Amino acid sequence: WLSTITALLSALSALGASDVKKVLAYSTINHLALMFLALGLG
């Protein structure tokens, strides 16, 4: 549940970010959420 919420929030935030590095920062949060999601799924 946490990783799903994080993945959606961070992806939408990356879509709106106006700073080059912030887009990449939100994308990192997004892909870390995928790693957590994988662990939560076994």
PDB file of all heavy atoms in Angstrom:
ATOM      1  N   TRP A   1       0.822  -1.216   0.000  1.00  0.00           N
ATOM      2  CA  TRP A   1       0.000   0.000   0.000  1.00  0.00           C
ATOM      3  C   TRP A   1       0.857   1.268   0.000  1.00  0.00           C
ATOM      4  O   TRP A   1       0.585   2.216  -0.756  1.00  0.00           O
ATOM      5  CB  TRP A   1      -0.942  -0.006   1.203  1.00  0.00           C
ATOM      6  CG  TRP A   1      -2.156  -0.837   0.976  1.00  0.00           C
ATOM      7  CD1 TRP A   1      -2.427  -2.070   1.486  1.00  0.00           C
ATOM      8  CD2 TRP A   1      -3.266  -0.500   0.138  1.00  0.00           C
ATOM      9  NE1 TRP A   1      -3.634  -2.536   1.035  1.00  0.00           N
ATOM     10  CE2 TRP A   1      -4.186  -1.588   0.204  1.00  0.00           C
ATOM     11  CE3 TRP A   1      -3.598   0.599  -0.650  1.00  0.00           C
ATOM     12  CZ2 TRP A   1      -5.385  -1.599  -0.507  1.00  0.00           C
ATOM     13  CZ3 TRP A   1      -4.803   0.599  -1.348  1.00  0.00           C
ATOM     14  CH2 TRP A   1      -5.675  -0.494  -1.270  1.00  0.00           C
ATOM     15  N   LEU A   2       1.891   1.303   0.846  1.00  0.00           N
ATOM     16  CA  LEU A   2       2.755   2.487   0.895  1.00  0.00           C
ATOM     17  C   LEU A   2       3.466   2.713  -0.436  1.00  0.00           C
ATOM     18  O   LEU A   2       3.576   3.851  -0.913  1.00  0.00           O
ATOM     19  CB  LEU A   2       3.791   2.343   2.020  1.00  0.00           C
ATOM     20  CG  LEU A   2       3.294   2.499   3.453  1.00  0.00           C
ATOM     21  CD1 LEU A   2       4.445   2.294   4.434  1.00  0.00           C
ATOM     22  CD2 LEU A   2       2.666   3.876   3.674  1.00  0.00           C
ATOM     23  N   SER A   3       3.969   1.633  -1.029  1.00  0.00           N
ATOM     24  CA  SER A   3       4.695   1.770  -2.295  1.00  0.00           C
ATOM     25  C   SER A   3       3.766   2.190  -3.430  1.00  0.00           C
ATOM     26  O   SER A   3       4.160   2.968  -4.310  1.00  0.00           O
ATOM     27  CB  SER A   3       5.412   0.461  -2.640  1.00  0.00           C
ATOM     28  OG  SER A   3       4.510  -0.611  -2.742  1.00  0.00           O
ATOM     29  N   THR A   4       2.548   1.717  -3.414  1.00  0.00           N
ATOM     30  CA  THR A   4       1.579   2.115  -4.444  1.00  0.00           C
ATOM     31  C   THR A   4       1.263   3.607  -4.351  1.00  0.00           C
ATOM     32  O   THR A   4       1.268   4.326  -5.363  1.00  0.00           O
ATOM     33  CB  THR A   4       0.278   1.296  -4.308  1.00  0.00           C
ATOM     34  OG1 THR A   4       0.581  -0.098  -4.435  1.00  0.00           O
ATOM     35  CG2 THR A   4      -0.718   1.688  -5.378  1.00  0.00           C
ATOM     36  N   ILE A   5       0.995   4.070  -3.133  1.00  0.00           N
ATOM     37  CA  ILE A   5       0.725   5.504  -2.931  1.00  0.00           C
ATOM     38  C   ILE A   5       1.931   6.329  -3.357  1.00  0.00           C
ATOM     39  O   ILE A   5       1.809   7.349  -4.042  1.00  0.00           O
ATOM     40  CB  ILE A   5       0.374   5.783  -1.456  1.00  0.00           C
ATOM     41  CG1 ILE A   5      -0.957   5.116  -1.087  1.00  0.00           C
ATOM     42  CG2 ILE A   5       0.294   7.294  -1.190  1.00  0.00           C
ATOM     43  CD1 ILE A   5      -1.230   5.094   0.408  1.00  0.00           C
ATOM     44  N   THR A   6       3.120   5.881  -2.956  1.00  0.00           N
ATOM     45  CA  THR A   6       4.350   6.606  -3.299  1.00  0.00           C
ATOM     46  C   THR A   6       4.564   6.665  -4.798  1.00  0.00           C
ATOM     47  O   THR A   6       4.936   7.710  -5.352  1.00  0.00           O
ATOM     48  CB  THR A   6       5.571   5.933  -2.632  1.00  0.00           C
ATOM     49  OG1 THR A   6       5.352   5.812  -1.238  1.00  0.00           O
ATOM     50  CG2 THR A   6       6.826   6.745  -2.869  1.00  0.00           C
ATOM     51  N   ALA A   7       4.354   5.531  -5.477  1.00  0.00           N
ATOM     52  CA  ALA A   7       4.571   5.476  -6.924  1.00  0.00           C
ATOM     53  C   ALA A   7       3.662   6.459  -7.659  1.00  0.00           C
ATOM     54  O   ALA A   7       4.106   7.173  -8.575  1.00  0.00           O
ATOM     55  CB  ALA A   7       4.340   4.050  -7.431  1.00  0.00           C
ATOM     56  N   LEU A   8       2.414   6.534  -7.260  1.00  0.00           N
ATOM     57  CA  LEU A   8       1.463   7.426  -7.938  1.00  0.00           C
ATOM     58  C   LEU A   8       1.738   8.898  -7.620  1.00  0.00           C
ATOM     59  O   LEU A   8       1.776   9.747  -8.518  1.00  0.00           O
ATOM     60  CB  LEU A   8       0.034   7.059  -7.545  1.00  0.00           C
ATOM     61  CG  LEU A   8      -0.427   5.658  -7.982  1.00  0.00           C
ATOM     62  CD1 LEU A   8      -1.816   5.351  -7.440  1.00  0.00           C
ATOM     63  CD2 LEU A   8      -0.400   5.521  -9.500  1.00  0.00           C
ATOM     64  N   LEU A   9       1.965   9.208  -6.344  1.00  0.00           N
ATOM     65  CA  LEU A   9       2.242  10.595  -5.943  1.00  0.00           C
ATOM     66  C   LEU A   9       3.515  11.123  -6.597  1.00  0.00           C
ATOM     67  O   LEU A   9       3.551  12.250  -7.106  1.00  0.00           O
ATOM     68  CB  LEU A   9       2.372  10.691  -4.425  1.00  0.00           C
ATOM     69  CG  LEU A   9       1.125  10.999  -3.599  1.00  0.00           C
ATOM     70  CD1 LEU A   9       1.479  11.039  -2.120  1.00  0.00           C
ATOM     71  CD2 LEU A   9       0.493  12.321  -4.022  1.00  0.00           C
ATOM     72  N   SER A  10       4.575  10.320  -6.564  1.00  0.00           N
ATOM     73  CA  SER A  10       5.865  10.770  -7.096  1.00  0.00           C
ATOM     74  C   SER A  10       5.830  10.935  -8.606  1.00  0.00           C
ATOM     75  O   SER A  10       6.419  11.882  -9.150  1.00  0.00           O
ATOM     76  CB  SER A  10       6.964   9.781  -6.706  1.00  0.00           C
ATOM     77  OG  SER A  10       6.667   8.475  -7.169  1.00  0.00           O
ATOM     78  N   ALA A  11       5.113  10.044  -9.313  1.00  0.00           N
ATOM     79  CA  ALA A  11       5.019  10.168 -10.774  1.00  0.00           C
ATOM     80  C   ALA A  11       4.275  11.443 -11.162  1.00  0.00           C
ATOM     81  O   ALA A  11       4.689  12.166 -12.080  1.00  0.00           O
ATOM     82  CB  ALA A  11       4.328   8.940 -11.351  1.00  0.00           C
ATOM     83  N   LEU A  12       3.178  11.729 -10.472  1.00  0.00           N
ATOM     84  CA  LEU A  12       2.422  12.953 -10.753  1.00  0.00           C
ATOM     85  C   LEU A  12       3.231  14.200 -10.401  1.00  0.00           C
ATOM     86  O   LEU A  12       3.175  15.213 -11.113  1.00  0.00           O
ATOM     87  CB  LEU A  12       1.103  12.939  -9.988  1.00  0.00           C
ATOM     88  CG  LEU A  12       0.072  11.894 -10.463  1.00  0.00           C
ATOM     89  CD1 LEU A  12      -1.080  11.790  -9.474  1.00  0.00           C
ATOM     90  CD2 LEU A  12      -0.449  12.245 -11.857  1.00  0.00           C
ATOM     91  N   SER A  13       3.996  14.128  -9.320  1.00  0.00           N
ATOM     92  CA  SER A  13       4.845  15.263  -8.930  1.00  0.00           C
ATOM     93  C   SER A  13       5.940  15.495  -9.959  1.00  0.00           C
ATOM     94  O   SER A  13       6.285  16.640 -10.276  1.00  0.00           O
ATOM     95  CB  SER A  13       5.465  15.013  -7.552  1.00  0.00           C
ATOM     96  OG  SER A  13       4.468  14.923  -6.556  1.00  0.00           O
ATOM     97  N   ALA A  14       6.506  14.410 -10.497  1.00  0.00           N
ATOM     98  CA  ALA A  14       7.536  14.538 -11.535  1.00  0.00           C
ATOM     99  C   ALA A  14       6.967  15.191 -12.788  1.00  0.00           C
ATOM    100  O   ALA A  14       7.668  15.935 -13.489  1.00  0.00           O
ATOM    101  CB  ALA A  14       8.113  13.160 -11.871  1.00  0.00           C
ATOM    102  N   LEU A  15       5.697  14.922 -13.071  1.00  0.00           N
ATOM    103  CA  LEU A  15       5.049  15.536 -14.235  1.00  0.00           C
ATOM    104  C   LEU A  15       4.895  17.042 -14.086  1.00  0.00           C
ATOM    105  O   LEU A  15       4.844  17.769 -15.083  1.00  0.00           O
ATOM    106  CB  LEU A  15       3.669  14.905 -14.450  1.00  0.00           C
ATOM    107  CG  LEU A  15       3.593  13.698 -15.372  1.00  0.00           C
ATOM    108  CD1 LEU A  15       2.194  13.097 -15.344  1.00  0.00           C
ATOM    109  CD2 LEU A  15       3.986  14.066 -16.790  1.00  0.00           C
ATOM    110  N   GLY A  16       4.806  17.523 -12.848  1.00  0.00           N
ATOM    111  CA  GLY A  16       4.598  18.953 -12.630  1.00  0.00           C
ATOM    112  C   GLY A  16       5.843  19.727 -12.265  1.00  0.00           C
ATOM    113  O   GLY A  16       5.834  20.958 -12.272  1.00  0.00           O
ATOM    114  N   ALA A  17       6.938  19.033 -11.926  1.00  0.00           N
ATOM    115  CA  ALA A  17       8.156  19.707 -11.447  1.00  0.00           C
ATOM    116  C   ALA A  17       8.773  20.577 -12.530  1.00  0.00           C
ATOM    117  O   ALA A  17       8.841  20.189 -13.701  1.00  0.00           O
ATOM    118  CB  ALA A  17       9.162  18.677 -10.951  1.00  0.00           C
ATOM    119  N   SER A  18       9.226  21.760 -12.142  1.00  0.00           N
ATOM    120  CA  SER A  18       9.820  22.710 -13.088  1.00  0.00           C
ATOM    121  C   SER A  18      11.333  22.814 -12.939  1.00  0.00           C
ATOM    122  O   SER A  18      11.963  23.659 -13.558  1.00  0.00           O
ATOM    123  CB  SER A  18       9.190  24.093 -12.895  1.00  0.00           C
ATOM    124  OG  SER A  18       9.373  24.528 -11.550  1.00  0.00           O
ATOM    125  N   ASP A  19      11.919  21.962 -12.101  1.00  0.00           N
ATOM    126  CA  ASP A  19      13.359  21.922 -11.854  1.00  0.00           C
ATOM    127  C   ASP A  19      13.888  20.599 -12.421  1.00  0.00           C
ATOM    128  O   ASP A  19      13.342  19.532 -12.135  1.00  0.00           O
ATOM    129  CB  ASP A  19      13.607  22.018 -10.346  1.00  0.00           C
ATOM    130  CG  ASP A  19      15.079  22.003  -9.969  1.00  0.00           C
ATOM    131  OD1 ASP A  19      15.800  21.096 -10.424  1.00  0.00           O
ATOM    132  OD2 ASP A  19      15.505  22.871  -9.201  1.00  0.00           O
ATOM    133  N   VAL A  20      14.948  20.675 -13.234  1.00  0.00           N
ATOM    134  CA  VAL A  20      15.505  19.476 -13.884  1.00  0.00           C
ATOM    135  C   VAL A  20      15.801  18.385 -12.866  1.00  0.00           C
ATOM    136  O   VAL A  20      15.409  17.222 -13.021  1.00  0.00           O
ATOM    137  CB  VAL A  20      16.792  19.823 -14.667  1.00  0.00           C
ATOM    138  CG1 VAL A  20      17.440  18.562 -15.218  1.00  0.00           C
ATOM    139  CG2 VAL A  20      16.494  20.812 -15.782  1.00  0.00           C
ATOM    140  N   LYS A  21      16.494  18.758 -11.789  1.00  0.00           N
ATOM    141  CA  LYS A  21      16.904  17.762 -10.798  1.00  0.00           C
ATOM    142  C   LYS A  21      15.730  17.257  -9.961  1.00  0.00           C
ATOM    143  O   LYS A  21      15.737  16.113  -9.504  1.00  0.00           O
ATOM    144  CB  LYS A  21      18.003  18.339  -9.898  1.00  0.00           C
ATOM    145  CG  LYS A  21      19.344  18.482 -10.608  1.00  0.00           C
ATOM    146  CD  LYS A  21      20.374  19.211  -9.766  1.00  0.00           C
ATOM    147  CE  LYS A  21      20.799  18.416  -8.563  1.00  0.00           C
ATOM    148  NZ  LYS A  21      21.880  19.085  -7.804  1.00  0.00           N
ATOM    149  N   LYS A  22      14.718  18.104  -9.766  1.00  0.00           N
ATOM    150  CA  LYS A  22      13.550  17.654  -9.006  1.00  0.00           C
ATOM    151  C   LYS A  22      12.756  16.595  -9.767  1.00  0.00           C
ATOM    152  O   LYS A  22      12.189  15.684  -9.170  1.00  0.00           O
ATOM    153  CB  LYS A  22      12.650  18.835  -8.638  1.00  0.00           C
ATOM    154  CG  LYS A  22      13.058  19.532  -7.353  1.00  0.00           C
ATOM    155  CD  LYS A  22      11.967  20.432  -6.838  1.00  0.00           C
ATOM    156  CE  LYS A  22      12.353  21.027  -5.480  1.00  0.00           C
ATOM    157  NZ  LYS A  22      11.288  21.868  -4.914  1.00  0.00           N
ATOM    158  N   VAL A  23      12.691  16.729 -11.091  1.00  0.00           N
ATOM    159  CA  VAL A  23      12.032  15.695 -11.892  1.00  0.00           C
ATOM    160  C   VAL A  23      12.736  14.355 -11.665  1.00  0.00           C
ATOM    161  O   VAL A  23      12.085  13.325 -11.434  1.00  0.00           O
ATOM    162  CB  VAL A  23      12.050  16.052 -13.395  1.00  0.00           C
ATOM    163  CG1 VAL A  23      11.459  14.905 -14.215  1.00  0.00           C
ATOM    164  CG2 VAL A  23      11.282  17.335 -13.658  1.00  0.00           C
ATOM    165  N   LEU A  24      14.067  14.380 -11.700  1.00  0.00           N
ATOM    166  CA  LEU A  24      14.830  13.146 -11.492  1.00  0.00           C
ATOM    167  C   LEU A  24      14.705  12.647 -10.054  1.00  0.00           C
ATOM    168  O   LEU A  24      14.705  11.436  -9.813  1.00  0.00           O
ATOM    169  CB  LEU A  24      16.305  13.375 -11.851  1.00  0.00           C
ATOM    170  CG  LEU A  24      16.585  13.712 -13.321  1.00  0.00           C
ATOM    171  CD1 LEU A  24      18.072  13.949 -13.544  1.00  0.00           C
ATOM    172  CD2 LEU A  24      16.078  12.606 -14.238  1.00  0.00           C
ATOM    173  N   ALA A  25      14.579  13.579  -9.102  1.00  0.00           N
ATOM    174  CA  ALA A  25      14.408  13.177  -7.702  1.00  0.00           C
ATOM    175  C   ALA A  25      13.080  12.451  -7.506  1.00  0.00           C
ATOM    176  O   ALA A  25      13.016  11.396  -6.873  1.00  0.00           O
ATOM    177  CB  ALA A  25      14.474  14.403  -6.789  1.00  0.00           C
ATOM    178  N   TYR A  26      12.008  13.016  -8.068  1.00  0.00           N
ATOM    179  CA  TYR A  26      10.706  12.350  -7.959  1.00  0.00           C
ATOM    180  C   TYR A  26      10.708  11.014  -8.699  1.00  0.00           C
ATOM    181  O   TYR A  26      10.045  10.062  -8.281  1.00  0.00           O
ATOM    182  CB  TYR A  26       9.598  13.255  -8.495  1.00  0.00           C
ATOM    183  CG  TYR A  26       9.159  14.330  -7.524  1.00  0.00           C
ATOM    184  CD1 TYR A  26       9.253  15.688  -7.843  1.00  0.00           C
ATOM    185  CD2 TYR A  26       8.626  13.990  -6.290  1.00  0.00           C
ATOM    186  CE1 TYR A  26       8.841  16.671  -6.956  1.00  0.00           C
ATOM    187  CE2 TYR A  26       8.206  14.972  -5.385  1.00  0.00           C
ATOM    188  CZ  TYR A  26       8.312  16.305  -5.728  1.00  0.00           C
ATOM    189  OH  TYR A  26       7.912  17.279  -4.834  1.00  0.00           O
ATOM    190  N   SER A  27      11.461  10.939  -9.801  1.00  0.00           N
ATOM    191  CA  SER A  27      11.523   9.666 -10.525  1.00  0.00           C
ATOM    192  C   SER A  27      12.262   8.614  -9.705  1.00  0.00           C
ATOM    193  O   SER A  27      11.937   7.423  -9.767  1.00  0.00           O
ATOM    194  CB  SER A  27      12.200   9.858 -11.885  1.00  0.00           C
ATOM    195  OG  SER A  27      13.603   9.894 -11.788  1.00  0.00           O
ATOM    196  N   THR A  28      13.258   9.039  -8.910  1.00  0.00           N
ATOM    197  CA  THR A  28      13.935   8.110  -8.012  1.00  0.00           C
ATOM    198  C   THR A  28      12.959   7.561  -6.975  1.00  0.00           C
ATOM    199  O   THR A  28      12.918   6.360  -6.711  1.00  0.00           O
ATOM    200  CB  THR A  28      15.117   8.797  -7.298  1.00  0.00           C
ATOM    201  OG1 THR A  28      16.111   9.133  -8.263  1.00  0.00           O
ATOM    202  CG2 THR A  28      15.738   7.891  -6.249  1.00  0.00           C
ATOM    203  N   ILE A  29      12.177   8.459  -6.369  1.00  0.00           N
ATOM    204  CA  ILE A  29      11.163   8.028  -5.399  1.00  0.00           C
ATOM    205  C   ILE A  29      10.216   7.033  -6.057  1.00  0.00           C
ATOM    206  O   ILE A  29       9.828   6.014  -5.463  1.00  0.00           O
ATOM    207  CB  ILE A  29      10.395   9.247  -4.855  1.00  0.00           C
ATOM    208  CG1 ILE A  29      11.335  10.194  -4.111  1.00  0.00           C
ATOM    209  CG2 ILE A  29       9.262   8.814  -3.940  1.00  0.00           C
ATOM    210  CD1 ILE A  29      10.724  11.545  -3.753  1.00  0.00           C
ATOM    211  N   ASN A  30       9.846   7.314  -7.310  1.00  0.00           N
ATOM    212  CA  ASN A  30       8.938   6.465  -8.064  1.00  0.00           C
ATOM    213  C   ASN A  30       9.513   5.053  -8.250  1.00  0.00           C
ATOM    214  O   ASN A  30       8.831   4.051  -8.028  1.00  0.00           O
ATOM    215  CB  ASN A  30       8.664   7.120  -9.416  1.00  0.00           C
ATOM    216  CG  ASN A  30       7.675   6.356 -10.254  1.00  0.00           C
ATOM    217  OD1 ASN A  30       8.037   5.754 -11.262  1.00  0.00           O
ATOM    218  ND2 ASN A  30       6.409   6.367  -9.857  1.00  0.00           N
ATOM    219  N   HIS A  31      10.768   4.965  -8.621  1.00  0.00           N
ATOM    220  CA  HIS A  31      11.368   3.646  -8.884  1.00  0.00           C
ATOM    221  C   HIS A  31      11.768   2.919  -7.596  1.00  0.00           C
ATOM    222  O   HIS A  31      11.753   1.687  -7.564  1.00  0.00           O
ATOM    223  CB  HIS A  31      12.551   3.796  -9.839  1.00  0.00           C
ATOM    224  CG  HIS A  31      12.108   3.940 -11.267  1.00  0.00           C
ATOM    225  ND1 HIS A  31      12.017   2.879 -12.128  1.00  0.00           N
ATOM    226  CD2 HIS A  31      11.685   5.018 -11.962  1.00  0.00           C
ATOM    227  CE1 HIS A  31      11.564   3.289 -13.295  1.00  0.00           C
ATOM    228  NE2 HIS A  31      11.355   4.590 -13.218  1.00  0.00           N
ATOM    229  N   LEU A  32      12.094   3.668  -6.561  1.00  0.00           N
ATOM    230  CA  LEU A  32      12.280   3.030  -5.259  1.00  0.00           C
ATOM    231  C   LEU A  32      10.972   2.394  -4.798  1.00  0.00           C
ATOM    232  O   LEU A  32      10.962   1.308  -4.202  1.00  0.00           O
ATOM    233  CB  LEU A  32      12.764   4.048  -4.225  1.00  0.00           C
ATOM    234  CG  LEU A  32      14.206   4.524  -4.365  1.00  0.00           C
ATOM    235  CD1 LEU A  32      14.432   5.764  -3.505  1.00  0.00           C
ATOM    236  CD2 LEU A  32      15.188   3.438  -3.973  1.00  0.00           C
ATOM    237  N   ALA A  33       9.859   3.071  -5.101  1.00  0.00           N
ATOM    238  CA  ALA A  33       8.545   2.514  -4.758  1.00  0.00           C
ATOM    239  C   ALA A  33       8.303   1.193  -5.481  1.00  0.00           C
ATOM    240  O   ALA A  33       7.708   0.262  -4.917  1.00  0.00           O
ATOM    241  CB  ALA A  33       7.447   3.519  -5.103  1.00  0.00           C
ATOM    242  N   LEU A  34       8.786   1.084  -6.720  1.00  0.00           N
ATOM    243  CA  LEU A  34       8.659  -0.176  -7.453  1.00  0.00           C
ATOM    244  C   LEU A  34       9.474  -1.289  -6.788  1.00  0.00           C
ATOM    245  O   LEU A  34       9.048  -2.445  -6.740  1.00  0.00           O
ATOM    246  CB  LEU A  34       9.094  -0.003  -8.903  1.00  0.00           C
ATOM    247  CG  LEU A  34       8.189   0.866  -9.790  1.00  0.00           C
ATOM    248  CD1 LEU A  34       8.734   0.934 -11.210  1.00  0.00           C
ATOM    249  CD2 LEU A  34       6.764   0.334  -9.809  1.00  0.00           C
ATOM    250  N   MET A  35      10.646  -0.937  -6.270  1.00  0.00           N
ATOM    251  CA  MET A  35      11.460  -1.927  -5.552  1.00  0.00           C
ATOM    252  C   MET A  35      10.752  -2.381  -4.280  1.00  0.00           C
ATOM    253  O   MET A  35      10.707  -3.581  -3.968  1.00  0.00           O
ATOM    254  CB  MET A  35      12.840  -1.343  -5.207  1.00  0.00           C
ATOM    255  CG  MET A  35      13.698  -1.007  -6.406  1.00  0.00           C
ATOM    256  SD  MET A  35      15.201  -0.112  -5.908  1.00  0.00           S
ATOM    257  CE  MET A  35      15.420   0.993  -7.298  1.00  0.00           C
ATOM    258  N   PHE A  36      10.195  -1.435  -3.541  1.00  0.00           N
ATOM    259  CA  PHE A  36       9.432  -1.779  -2.339  1.00  0.00           C
ATOM    260  C   PHE A  36       8.201  -2.610  -2.703  1.00  0.00           C
ATOM    261  O   PHE A  36       7.849  -3.549  -1.991  1.00  0.00           O
ATOM    262  CB  PHE A  36       9.007  -0.507  -1.592  1.00  0.00           C
ATOM    263  CG  PHE A  36      10.044   0.015  -0.639  1.00  0.00           C
ATOM    264  CD1 PHE A  36      11.106   0.770  -1.082  1.00  0.00           C
ATOM    265  CD2 PHE A  36       9.962  -0.258   0.719  1.00  0.00           C
ATOM    266  CE1 PHE A  36      12.069   1.259  -0.216  1.00  0.00           C
ATOM    267  CE2 PHE A  36      10.909   0.217   1.606  1.00  0.00           C
ATOM    268  CZ  PHE A  36      11.977   0.968   1.140  1.00  0.00           C
ATOM    269  N   LEU A  37       7.554  -2.246  -3.802  1.00  0.00           N
ATOM    270  CA  LEU A  37       6.385  -2.999  -4.254  1.00  0.00           C
ATOM    271  C   LEU A  37       6.762  -4.451  -4.536  1.00  0.00           C
ATOM    272  O   LEU A  37       6.048  -5.383  -4.125  1.00  0.00           O
ATOM    273  CB  LEU A  37       5.799  -2.350  -5.506  1.00  0.00           C
ATOM    274  CG  LEU A  37       4.571  -3.028  -6.133  1.00  0.00           C
ATOM    275  CD1 LEU A  37       3.409  -3.043  -5.150  1.00  0.00           C
ATOM    276  CD2 LEU A  37       4.172  -2.320  -7.421  1.00  0.00           C
ATOM    277  N   ALA A  38       7.891  -4.644  -5.212  1.00  0.00           N
ATOM    278  CA  ALA A  38       8.360  -6.008  -5.504  1.00  0.00           C
ATOM    279  C   ALA A  38       8.592  -6.791  -4.219  1.00  0.00           C
ATOM    280  O   ALA A  38       8.198  -7.961  -4.101  1.00  0.00           O
ATOM    281  CB  ALA A  38       9.634  -5.950  -6.337  1.00  0.00           C
ATOM    282  N   LEU A  39       9.206  -6.143  -3.221  1.00  0.00           N
ATOM    283  CA  LEU A  39       9.448  -6.818  -1.945  1.00  0.00           C
ATOM    284  C   LEU A  39       8.136  -7.142  -1.240  1.00  0.00           C
ATOM    285  O   LEU A  39       7.980  -8.208  -0.640  1.00  0.00           O
ATOM    286  CB  LEU A  39      10.342  -5.944  -1.052  1.00  0.00           C
ATOM    287  CG  LEU A  39      11.796  -5.788  -1.527  1.00  0.00           C
ATOM    288  CD1 LEU A  39      12.490  -4.672  -0.760  1.00  0.00           C
ATOM    289  CD2 LEU A  39      12.562  -7.090  -1.371  1.00  0.00           C
ATOM    290  N   GLY A  40       7.174  -6.224  -1.304  1.00  0.00           N
ATOM    291  CA  GLY A  40       5.876  -6.472  -0.690  1.00  0.00           C
ATOM    292  C   GLY A  40       5.119  -7.602  -1.362  1.00  0.00           C
ATOM    293  O   GLY A  40       4.322  -8.290  -0.724  1.00  0.00           O
ATOM    294  N   LEU A  41       5.385  -7.800  -2.661  1.00  0.00           N
ATOM    295  CA  LEU A  41       4.725  -8.860  -3.416  1.00  0.00           C
ATOM    296  C   LEU A  41       5.436 -10.203  -3.297  1.00  0.00           C
ATOM    297  O   LEU A  41       4.970 -11.205  -3.833  1.00  0.00           O
ATOM    298  CB  LEU A  41       4.636  -8.464  -4.898  1.00  0.00           C
ATOM    299  CG  LEU A  41       3.780  -7.238  -5.231  1.00  0.00           C
ATOM    300  CD1 LEU A  41       4.000  -6.815  -6.668  1.00  0.00           C
ATOM    301  CD2 LEU A  41       2.303  -7.526  -4.972  1.00  0.00           C
ATOM    302  N   GLY A  42       6.594 -10.200  -2.633  1.00  0.00           N
ATOM    303  CA  GLY A  42       7.361 -11.436  -2.496  1.00  0.00           C
ATOM    304  C   GLY A  42       8.359 -11.668  -3.608  1.00  0.00           C
ATOM    305  O   GLY A  42       8.998 -12.724  -3.663  1.00  0.00           O
TER     306      GLY A  42
END
